[in-house]
Amino acid sequence: MTFAPGKYDEVCTLVRNAVGISDGTGGGVMLIVLGGNKGNGFSCQADPLVTLLLPEILDDVVKQMRKVDGMA
């Protein structure tokens, strides 16, 4: 994962602010866009601990999605 602004970094900032996550407060936002006006892409703005936990968090999301689809 790169540590530079992504295609949708401005939108990610808007979401982060809208949900009350400001710099230094912990937490984070990951935005995944499929077929957007800048094409597919993602942006992630998170504190270091959340960034380290992202693989585990995303793995849990995949497990939940497979369970809903009956693929688990």
PDB file of N, CA and C in Angstrom:
ATOM      1  N   MET A   1       0.852  -1.177   0.000  1.00  0.00           N
ATOM      2  CA  MET A   1       0.000   0.000   0.000  1.00  0.00           C
ATOM      3  C   MET A   1       0.894   1.235   0.000  1.00  0.00           C
ATOM      4  N   THR A   2       0.584   2.153  -0.860  1.00  0.00           N
ATOM      5  CA  THR A   2       1.379   3.375  -0.925  1.00  0.00           C
ATOM      6  C   THR A   2       0.960   4.340   0.177  1.00  0.00           C
ATOM      7  N   PHE A   3       1.841   5.217   0.520  1.00  0.00           N
ATOM      8  CA  PHE A   3       1.559   6.221   1.546  1.00  0.00           C
ATOM      9  C   PHE A   3       1.535   7.605   0.907  1.00  0.00           C
ATOM     10  N   ALA A   4       0.684   7.742  -0.081  1.00  0.00           N
ATOM     11  CA  ALA A   4       0.496   9.008  -0.791  1.00  0.00           C
ATOM     12  C   ALA A   4      -0.999   9.173  -1.037  1.00  0.00           C
ATOM     13  N   PRO A   5      -1.433  10.376  -1.329  1.00  0.00           N
ATOM     14  CA  PRO A   5      -2.857  10.563  -1.598  1.00  0.00           C
ATOM     15  C   PRO A   5      -3.340   9.677  -2.746  1.00  0.00           C
ATOM     16  N   GLY A   6      -4.501   9.050  -2.554  1.00  0.00           N
ATOM     17  CA  GLY A   6      -5.094   8.230  -3.597  1.00  0.00           C
ATOM     18  C   GLY A   6      -5.992   9.064  -4.491  1.00  0.00           C
ATOM     19  N   LYS A   7      -6.553   8.408  -5.510  1.00  0.00           N
ATOM     20  CA  LYS A   7      -7.429   9.092  -6.463  1.00  0.00           C
ATOM     21  C   LYS A   7      -8.601   9.773  -5.777  1.00  0.00           C
ATOM     22  N   TYR A   8      -9.075   9.163  -4.717  1.00  0.00           N
ATOM     23  CA  TYR A   8     -10.282   9.650  -4.048  1.00  0.00           C
ATOM     24  C   TYR A   8      -9.978  10.201  -2.655  1.00  0.00           C
ATOM     25  N   ASP A   9      -8.770  10.725  -2.475  1.00  0.00           N
ATOM     26  CA  ASP A   9      -8.351  11.213  -1.163  1.00  0.00           C
ATOM     27  C   ASP A   9      -9.219  12.372  -0.664  1.00  0.00           C
ATOM     28  N   GLU A  10      -9.628  13.257  -1.565  1.00  0.00           N
ATOM     29  CA  GLU A  10     -10.458  14.391  -1.142  1.00  0.00           C
ATOM     30  C   GLU A  10     -11.808  13.908  -0.607  1.00  0.00           C
ATOM     31  N   VAL A  11     -12.401  12.913  -1.267  1.00  0.00           N
ATOM     32  CA  VAL A  11     -13.682  12.357  -0.806  1.00  0.00           C
ATOM     33  C   VAL A  11     -13.488  11.619   0.518  1.00  0.00           C
ATOM     34  N   CYS A  12     -12.382  10.912   0.642  1.00  0.00           N
ATOM     35  CA  CYS A  12     -12.075  10.204   1.880  1.00  0.00           C
ATOM     36  C   CYS A  12     -11.965  11.192   3.045  1.00  0.00           C
ATOM     37  N   THR A  13     -11.349  12.336   2.794  1.00  0.00           N
ATOM     38  CA  THR A  13     -11.249  13.376   3.818  1.00  0.00           C
ATOM     39  C   THR A  13     -12.633  13.874   4.220  1.00  0.00           C
ATOM     40  N   LEU A  14     -13.508  14.080   3.230  1.00  0.00           N
ATOM     41  CA  LEU A  14     -14.874  14.519   3.526  1.00  0.00           C
ATOM     42  C   LEU A  14     -15.598  13.505   4.408  1.00  0.00           C
ATOM     43  N   VAL A  15     -15.456  12.233   4.081  1.00  0.00           N
ATOM     44  CA  VAL A  15     -16.108  11.183   4.874  1.00  0.00           C
ATOM     45  C   VAL A  15     -15.524  11.152   6.285  1.00  0.00           C
ATOM     46  N   ARG A  16     -14.196  11.211   6.372  1.00  0.00           N
ATOM     47  CA  ARG A  16     -13.536  11.190   7.688  1.00  0.00           C
ATOM     48  C   ARG A  16     -14.046  12.326   8.567  1.00  0.00           C
ATOM     49  N   ASN A  17     -14.137  13.507   7.994  1.00  0.00           N
ATOM     50  CA  ASN A  17     -14.638  14.649   8.765  1.00  0.00           C
ATOM     51  C   ASN A  17     -16.115  14.496   9.105  1.00  0.00           C
ATOM     52  N   ALA A  18     -16.904  13.965   8.175  1.00  0.00           N
ATOM     53  CA  ALA A  18     -18.350  13.805   8.392  1.00  0.00           C
ATOM     54  C   ALA A  18     -18.664  12.839   9.521  1.00  0.00           C
ATOM     55  N   VAL A  19     -17.794  11.845   9.714  1.00  0.00           N
ATOM     56  CA  VAL A  19     -18.054  10.869  10.780  1.00  0.00           C
ATOM     57  C   VAL A  19     -17.301  11.197  12.065  1.00  0.00           C
ATOM     58  N   GLY A  20     -16.627  12.349  12.085  1.00  0.00           N
ATOM     59  CA  GLY A  20     -16.007  12.823  13.314  1.00  0.00           C
ATOM     60  C   GLY A  20     -14.646  12.250  13.637  1.00  0.00           C
ATOM     61  N   ILE A  21     -13.927  11.802  12.606  1.00  0.00           N
ATOM     62  CA  ILE A  21     -12.567  11.301  12.827  1.00  0.00           C
ATOM     63  C   ILE A  21     -11.600  12.357  12.325  1.00  0.00           C
ATOM     64  N   SER A  22     -10.954  13.039  13.257  1.00  0.00           N
ATOM     65  CA  SER A  22      -9.990  14.057  12.857  1.00  0.00           C
ATOM     66  C   SER A  22      -8.586  13.551  13.118  1.00  0.00           C
ATOM     67  N   ASP A  23      -7.606  14.237  12.583  1.00  0.00           N
ATOM     68  CA  ASP A  23      -6.214  13.832  12.778  1.00  0.00           C
ATOM     69  C   ASP A  23      -5.898  13.724  14.259  1.00  0.00           C
ATOM     70  N   GLY A  24      -5.280  12.620  14.634  1.00  0.00           N
ATOM     71  CA  GLY A  24      -4.835  12.440  16.002  1.00  0.00           C
ATOM     72  C   GLY A  24      -5.868  11.877  16.962  1.00  0.00           C
ATOM     73  N   THR A  25      -7.091  11.610  16.486  1.00  0.00           N
ATOM     74  CA  THR A  25      -8.114  11.085  17.396  1.00  0.00           C
ATOM     75  C   THR A  25      -8.231   9.570  17.339  1.00  0.00           C
ATOM     76  N   GLY A  26      -7.479   8.927  16.473  1.00  0.00           N
ATOM     77  CA  GLY A  26      -7.588   7.482  16.312  1.00  0.00           C
ATOM     78  C   GLY A  26      -8.675   7.137  15.317  1.00  0.00           C
ATOM     79  N   GLY A  27      -8.692   5.886  14.917  1.00  0.00           N
ATOM     80  CA  GLY A  27      -9.679   5.447  13.941  1.00  0.00           C
ATOM     81  C   GLY A  27      -9.208   5.719  12.530  1.00  0.00           C
ATOM     82  N   GLY A  28     -10.134   5.602  11.595  1.00  0.00           N
ATOM     83  CA  GLY A  28      -9.772   5.844  10.217  1.00  0.00           C
ATOM     84  C   GLY A  28     -10.924   5.568   9.277  1.00  0.00           C
ATOM     85  N   VAL A  29     -10.679   5.836   8.018  1.00  0.00           N
ATOM     86  CA  VAL A  29     -11.653   5.632   6.954  1.00  0.00           C
ATOM     87  C   VAL A  29     -10.930   4.996   5.774  1.00  0.00           C
ATOM     88  N   MET A  30     -11.566   3.983   5.192  1.00  0.00           N
ATOM     89  CA  MET A  30     -11.081   3.413   3.939  1.00  0.00           C
ATOM     90  C   MET A  30     -12.227   3.472   2.957  1.00  0.00           C
ATOM     91  N   LEU A  31     -11.991   4.114   1.836  1.00  0.00           N
ATOM     92  CA  LEU A  31     -12.998   4.298   0.810  1.00  0.00           C
ATOM     93  C   LEU A  31     -12.591   3.493  -0.415  1.00  0.00           C
ATOM     94  N   ILE A  32     -13.468   2.614  -0.873  1.00  0.00           N
ATOM     95  CA  ILE A  32     -13.228   1.826  -2.081  1.00  0.00           C
ATOM     96  C   ILE A  32     -14.260   2.266  -3.107  1.00  0.00           C
ATOM     97  N   VAL A  33     -13.798   2.681  -4.272  1.00  0.00           N
ATOM     98  CA  VAL A  33     -14.687   3.163  -5.328  1.00  0.00           C
ATOM     99  C   VAL A  33     -14.558   2.244  -6.535  1.00  0.00           C
ATOM    100  N   LEU A  34     -15.691   1.786  -7.016  1.00  0.00           N
ATOM    101  CA  LEU A  34     -15.735   0.934  -8.201  1.00  0.00           C
ATOM    102  C   LEU A  34     -16.498   1.685  -9.289  1.00  0.00           C
ATOM    103  N   GLY A  35     -15.832   1.994 -10.378  1.00  0.00           N
ATOM    104  CA  GLY A  35     -16.477   2.667 -11.496  1.00  0.00           C
ATOM    105  C   GLY A  35     -16.761   4.138 -11.280  1.00  0.00           C
ATOM    106  N   GLY A  36     -15.966   4.786 -10.461  1.00  0.00           N
ATOM    107  CA  GLY A  36     -16.168   6.209 -10.203  1.00  0.00           C
ATOM    108  C   GLY A  36     -15.698   7.082 -11.354  1.00  0.00           C
ATOM    109  N   ASN A  37     -15.856   8.389 -11.200  1.00  0.00           N
ATOM    110  CA  ASN A  37     -15.470   9.316 -12.268  1.00  0.00           C
ATOM    111  C   ASN A  37     -13.957   9.368 -12.494  1.00  0.00           C
ATOM    112  N   LYS A  38     -13.193   8.802 -11.604  1.00  0.00           N
ATOM    113  CA  LYS A  38     -11.739   8.695 -11.780  1.00  0.00           C
ATOM    114  C   LYS A  38     -11.328   7.237 -11.950  1.00  0.00           C
ATOM    115  N   GLY A  39     -12.309   6.390 -12.256  1.00  0.00           N
ATOM    116  CA  GLY A  39     -12.041   4.963 -12.391  1.00  0.00           C
ATOM    117  C   GLY A  39     -12.090   4.282 -11.039  1.00  0.00           C
ATOM    118  N   ASN A  40     -11.681   3.028 -11.015  1.00  0.00           N
ATOM    119  CA  ASN A  40     -11.626   2.291  -9.757  1.00  0.00           C
ATOM    120  C   ASN A  40     -10.476   2.823  -8.916  1.00  0.00           C
ATOM    121  N   GLY A  41     -10.653   2.799  -7.608  1.00  0.00           N
ATOM    122  CA  GLY A  41      -9.571   3.241  -6.747  1.00  0.00           C
ATOM    123  C   GLY A  41      -9.953   3.186  -5.286  1.00  0.00           C
ATOM    124  N   PHE A  42      -9.007   3.506  -4.446  1.00  0.00           N
ATOM    125  CA  PHE A  42      -9.282   3.562  -3.016  1.00  0.00           C
ATOM    126  C   PHE A  42      -8.406   4.607  -2.365  1.00  0.00           C
ATOM    127  N   SER A  43      -8.857   5.047  -1.226  1.00  0.00           N
ATOM    128  CA  SER A  43      -8.063   5.924  -0.374  1.00  0.00           C
ATOM    129  C   SER A  43      -8.249   5.467   1.057  1.00  0.00           C
ATOM    130  N   CYS A  44      -7.214   5.596   1.816  1.00  0.00           N
ATOM    131  CA  CYS A  44      -7.259   5.197   3.219  1.00  0.00           C
ATOM    132  C   CYS A  44      -6.602   6.295   4.046  1.00  0.00           C
ATOM    133  N   GLN A  45      -7.322   6.731   5.063  1.00  0.00           N
ATOM    134  CA  GLN A  45      -6.783   7.694   6.020  1.00  0.00           C
ATOM    135  C   GLN A  45      -7.040   7.116   7.403  1.00  0.00           C
ATOM    136  N   ALA A  46      -5.980   6.667   8.040  1.00  0.00           N
ATOM    137  CA  ALA A  46      -6.130   6.006   9.335  1.00  0.00           C
ATOM    138  C   ALA A  46      -4.889   6.231  10.183  1.00  0.00           C
ATOM    139  N   ASP A  47      -5.094   6.113  11.492  1.00  0.00           N
ATOM    140  CA  ASP A  47      -3.935   6.227  12.371  1.00  0.00           C
ATOM    141  C   ASP A  47      -3.062   4.976  12.192  1.00  0.00           C
ATOM    142  N   PRO A  48      -1.823   5.009  12.652  1.00  0.00           N
ATOM    143  CA  PRO A  48      -0.904   3.888  12.421  1.00  0.00           C
ATOM    144  C   PRO A  48      -1.413   2.537  12.937  1.00  0.00           C
ATOM    145  N   LEU A  49      -2.054   2.512  14.095  1.00  0.00           N
ATOM    146  CA  LEU A  49      -2.537   1.240  14.623  1.00  0.00           C
ATOM    147  C   LEU A  49      -3.617   0.649  13.725  1.00  0.00           C
ATOM    148  N   VAL A  50      -4.556   1.466  13.297  1.00  0.00           N
ATOM    149  CA  VAL A  50      -5.609   0.986  12.404  1.00  0.00           C
ATOM    150  C   VAL A  50      -4.998   0.516  11.083  1.00  0.00           C
ATOM    151  N   THR A  51      -4.023   1.242  10.583  1.00  0.00           N
ATOM    152  CA  THR A  51      -3.357   0.843   9.345  1.00  0.00           C
ATOM    153  C   THR A  51      -2.741  -0.545   9.489  1.00  0.00           C
ATOM    154  N   LEU A  52      -2.113  -0.811  10.619  1.00  0.00           N
ATOM    155  CA  LEU A  52      -1.535  -2.138  10.852  1.00  0.00           C
ATOM    156  C   LEU A  52      -2.601  -3.218  10.959  1.00  0.00           C
ATOM    157  N   LEU A  53      -3.785  -2.860  11.424  1.00  0.00           N
ATOM    158  CA  LEU A  53      -4.871  -3.830  11.589  1.00  0.00           C
ATOM    159  C   LEU A  53      -5.716  -4.017  10.335  1.00  0.00           C
ATOM    160  N   LEU A  54      -5.481  -3.223   9.294  1.00  0.00           N
ATOM    161  CA  LEU A  54      -6.313  -3.298   8.094  1.00  0.00           C
ATOM    162  C   LEU A  54      -6.414  -4.698   7.485  1.00  0.00           C
ATOM    163  N   PRO A  55      -5.333  -5.453   7.345  1.00  0.00           N
ATOM    164  CA  PRO A  55      -5.490  -6.801   6.782  1.00  0.00           C
ATOM    165  C   PRO A  55      -6.465  -7.667   7.589  1.00  0.00           C
ATOM    166  N   GLU A  56      -6.385  -7.595   8.903  1.00  0.00           N
ATOM    167  CA  GLU A  56      -7.288  -8.369   9.756  1.00  0.00           C
ATOM    168  C   GLU A  56      -8.728  -7.866   9.623  1.00  0.00           C
ATOM    169  N   ILE A  57      -8.896  -6.557   9.591  1.00  0.00           N
ATOM    170  CA  ILE A  57     -10.228  -5.966   9.450  1.00  0.00           C
ATOM    171  C   ILE A  57     -10.845  -6.365   8.112  1.00  0.00           C
ATOM    172  N   LEU A  58     -10.069  -6.257   7.039  1.00  0.00           N
ATOM    173  CA  LEU A  58     -10.578  -6.609   5.715  1.00  0.00           C
ATOM    174  C   LEU A  58     -10.871  -8.099   5.597  1.00  0.00           C
ATOM    175  N   ASP A  59     -10.052  -8.923   6.224  1.00  0.00           N
ATOM    176  CA  ASP A  59     -10.307 -10.361   6.244  1.00  0.00           C
ATOM    177  C   ASP A  59     -11.642 -10.658   6.925  1.00  0.00           C
ATOM    178  N   ASP A  60     -11.939  -9.959   8.006  1.00  0.00           N
ATOM    179  CA  ASP A  60     -13.209 -10.133   8.698  1.00  0.00           C
ATOM    180  C   ASP A  60     -14.377  -9.707   7.808  1.00  0.00           C
ATOM    181  N   VAL A  61     -14.204  -8.632   7.054  1.00  0.00           N
ATOM    182  CA  VAL A  61     -15.249  -8.182   6.123  1.00  0.00           C
ATOM    183  C   VAL A  61     -15.507  -9.255   5.069  1.00  0.00           C
ATOM    184  N   VAL A  62     -14.437  -9.834   4.526  1.00  0.00           N
ATOM    185  CA  VAL A  62     -14.578 -10.903   3.527  1.00  0.00           C
ATOM    186  C   VAL A  62     -15.337 -12.084   4.115  1.00  0.00           C
ATOM    187  N   LYS A  63     -14.993 -12.478   5.325  1.00  0.00           N
ATOM    188  CA  LYS A  63     -15.695 -13.601   5.977  1.00  0.00           C
ATOM    189  C   LYS A  63     -17.181 -13.301   6.138  1.00  0.00           C
ATOM    190  N   GLN A  64     -17.510 -12.059   6.523  1.00  0.00           N
ATOM    191  CA  GLN A  64     -18.913 -11.680   6.676  1.00  0.00           C
ATOM    192  C   GLN A  64     -19.640 -11.709   5.327  1.00  0.00           C
ATOM    193  N   MET A  65     -18.976 -11.244   4.279  1.00  0.00           N
ATOM    194  CA  MET A  65     -19.591 -11.234   2.956  1.00  0.00           C
ATOM    195  C   MET A  65     -19.839 -12.657   2.463  1.00  0.00           C
ATOM    196  N   ARG A  66     -18.886 -13.531   2.687  1.00  0.00           N
ATOM    197  CA  ARG A  66     -19.055 -14.921   2.259  1.00  0.00           C
ATOM    198  C   ARG A  66     -20.174 -15.599   3.036  1.00  0.00           C
ATOM    199  N   LYS A  67     -20.307 -15.268   4.296  1.00  0.00           N
ATOM    200  CA  LYS A  67     -21.360 -15.842   5.124  1.00  0.00           C
ATOM    201  C   LYS A  67     -22.731 -15.405   4.608  1.00  0.00           C
ATOM    202  N   VAL A  68     -22.862 -14.141   4.248  1.00  0.00           N
ATOM    203  CA  VAL A  68     -24.134 -13.608   3.720  1.00  0.00           C
ATOM    204  C   VAL A  68     -24.466 -14.277   2.395  1.00  0.00           C
ATOM    205  N   ASP A  69     -23.443 -14.483   1.551  1.00  0.00           N
ATOM    206  CA  ASP A  69     -23.663 -15.085   0.238  1.00  0.00           C
ATOM    207  C   ASP A  69     -23.777 -16.606   0.310  1.00  0.00           C
ATOM    208  N   GLY A  70     -23.645 -17.170   1.498  1.00  0.00           N
ATOM    209  CA  GLY A  70     -23.706 -18.628   1.642  1.00  0.00           C
ATOM    210  C   GLY A  70     -22.482 -19.332   1.114  1.00  0.00           C
ATOM    211  N   MET A  71     -21.365 -18.606   1.031  1.00  0.00           N
ATOM    212  CA  MET A  71     -20.144 -19.195   0.493  1.00  0.00           C
ATOM    213  C   MET A  71     -19.188 -19.670   1.584  1.00  0.00           C
ATOM    214  N   ALA A  72     -19.560 -19.480   2.842  1.00  0.00           N
ATOM    215  CA  ALA A  72     -18.651 -19.849   3.925  1.00  0.00           C
ATOM    216  C   ALA A  72     -18.758 -21.316   4.266  1.00  0.00           C
TER     217      ALA A  72
END
